[in-house]
Protein backbone atom coordinates (compact mmCIF):
# COMPACT_ATOMS: atom_id res chain seq x y z
CA UNK A 1 29.41 24.43 5.94
CA UNK A 2 31.49 23.98 9.07
CA UNK A 3 31.10 20.19 9.04
CA UNK A 4 33.16 19.72 5.86
CA UNK A 5 36.30 18.70 7.77
CA UNK A 6 34.47 16.53 10.28
CA UNK A 7 33.65 12.94 9.38
CA UNK A 8 30.39 11.67 10.88
CA UNK A 9 29.98 7.96 11.55
CA UNK A 10 26.56 7.61 9.94
CA UNK A 11 26.00 4.07 11.14
CA UNK A 12 26.73 4.99 14.75
CA UNK A 13 24.54 8.12 14.55
CA UNK A 14 21.65 6.06 13.18
CA UNK A 15 22.05 3.36 15.84
CA UNK A 16 22.24 5.93 18.63
CA UNK A 17 19.21 7.75 17.27
CA UNK A 18 17.28 4.46 17.20
CA UNK A 19 18.14 3.77 20.84
CA UNK A 20 16.99 7.25 21.88
CA UNK A 21 13.81 6.89 19.84
CA UNK A 22 12.98 3.62 21.56
CA UNK A 23 13.49 5.32 24.93
CA UNK A 24 11.46 8.37 23.93
CA UNK A 25 14.52 10.53 24.61
CA UNK A 26 14.55 13.90 22.81
CA UNK A 27 18.30 13.48 22.27
CA UNK A 28 17.23 11.48 19.20
CA UNK A 29 16.66 14.86 17.55
CA UNK A 30 20.35 15.73 17.85
CA UNK A 31 21.34 12.56 16.03
CA UNK A 32 18.70 13.13 13.36
CA UNK A 33 20.06 16.64 12.86
CA UNK A 34 23.57 15.24 12.47
CA UNK A 35 22.35 12.74 9.88
CA UNK A 36 20.53 15.47 7.96
CA UNK A 37 23.57 17.72 8.08
CA UNK A 38 25.75 14.90 6.74
CA UNK A 39 23.36 14.32 3.82
CA UNK A 40 25.39 15.82 0.99
CA UNK A 41 23.69 13.77 -1.75
CA UNK A 42 20.09 14.79 -1.01
CA UNK A 43 18.78 11.54 0.45
CA UNK A 44 16.43 13.49 2.73
CA UNK A 45 15.18 15.79 -0.06
CA UNK A 46 11.97 13.75 -0.69
CA UNK A 47 11.06 14.07 2.99
CA UNK A 48 11.77 17.82 2.86
CA UNK A 49 9.53 18.12 -0.20
CA UNK A 50 6.72 16.21 1.52
CA UNK A 51 7.05 18.37 4.63
CA UNK A 52 7.10 21.56 2.53
CA UNK A 53 3.94 20.48 0.71
CA UNK A 54 2.11 19.74 3.95
CA UNK A 55 3.34 22.99 5.51
CA UNK A 56 2.19 24.95 2.48
CA UNK A 57 -1.26 23.33 2.67
CA UNK A 58 -1.46 24.06 6.37
CA UNK A 59 -0.46 27.72 5.97
CA UNK A 60 -3.04 28.16 3.22
CA UNK A 61 -5.66 26.67 5.54
CA UNK A 62 -4.65 29.13 8.27
CA UNK A 63 -5.04 31.98 5.78
CA UNK A 64 -8.48 30.72 4.74
CA UNK A 65 -9.54 30.57 8.38
CA UNK A 66 -8.25 34.08 9.01
CA UNK A 67 -5.73 32.99 11.65
CA UNK A 68 -3.27 35.83 12.02
CA UNK A 69 -1.37 34.81 15.15
CA UNK A 70 1.90 33.19 13.98
CA UNK A 71 2.46 31.67 17.41
CA UNK A 72 -0.70 29.54 17.33
CA UNK A 73 0.68 26.22 18.56
CA UNK A 74 3.55 26.53 16.09
CA UNK A 75 5.80 23.88 17.62
CA UNK A 76 2.97 21.38 17.97
CA UNK A 77 1.81 22.05 14.43
CA UNK A 78 5.29 21.67 12.93
CA UNK A 79 5.79 18.38 14.77
CA UNK A 80 2.36 17.18 13.63
CA UNK A 81 3.23 18.11 10.05
CA UNK A 82 6.57 16.31 10.32
CA UNK A 83 4.68 13.19 11.36
CA UNK A 84 2.23 13.60 8.46
CA UNK A 85 5.09 14.16 6.02
CA UNK A 86 6.82 11.07 7.37
CA UNK A 87 3.94 8.96 6.07
CA UNK A 88 3.54 10.90 2.81
CA UNK A 89 5.42 8.42 0.65
CA UNK A 90 4.25 9.61 -2.77
CA UNK A 91 7.27 9.69 -5.01
CA UNK A 92 9.79 8.74 -2.36
CA UNK A 93 12.33 6.40 -3.99
CA UNK A 94 12.00 3.51 -1.55
CA UNK A 95 9.87 0.44 -1.11
CA UNK A 96 7.01 2.16 0.70
CA UNK A 97 5.90 2.56 4.28
CA UNK A 98 6.97 0.09 6.93
CA UNK A 99 4.64 -2.87 6.77
CA UNK A 100 3.35 -1.85 3.33
CA UNK A 101 6.43 -2.72 1.26
CA UNK A 102 5.77 -3.55 -2.35
């Protein structure tokens, strides 16, 4: 990993990402990518597992429907699945979804 020698200020990356998110600026994605890359302890693994599960379900559905074109709205579908995975809190070691804390 080329980032091993570079120290990322996680707090600043998160704050900057939040500002861009509030503005609807796609630069938020860059800061999210930096946070994910800096995750050496697997904090984002539950989200990755939720996304993988939803993606697997979706691909199986495509196969059942006989969709063979791999370019069928791929970017829109991946983003939609990311949003679904973001609210798939089963097993995520936190307090639950925002507004639904236990």
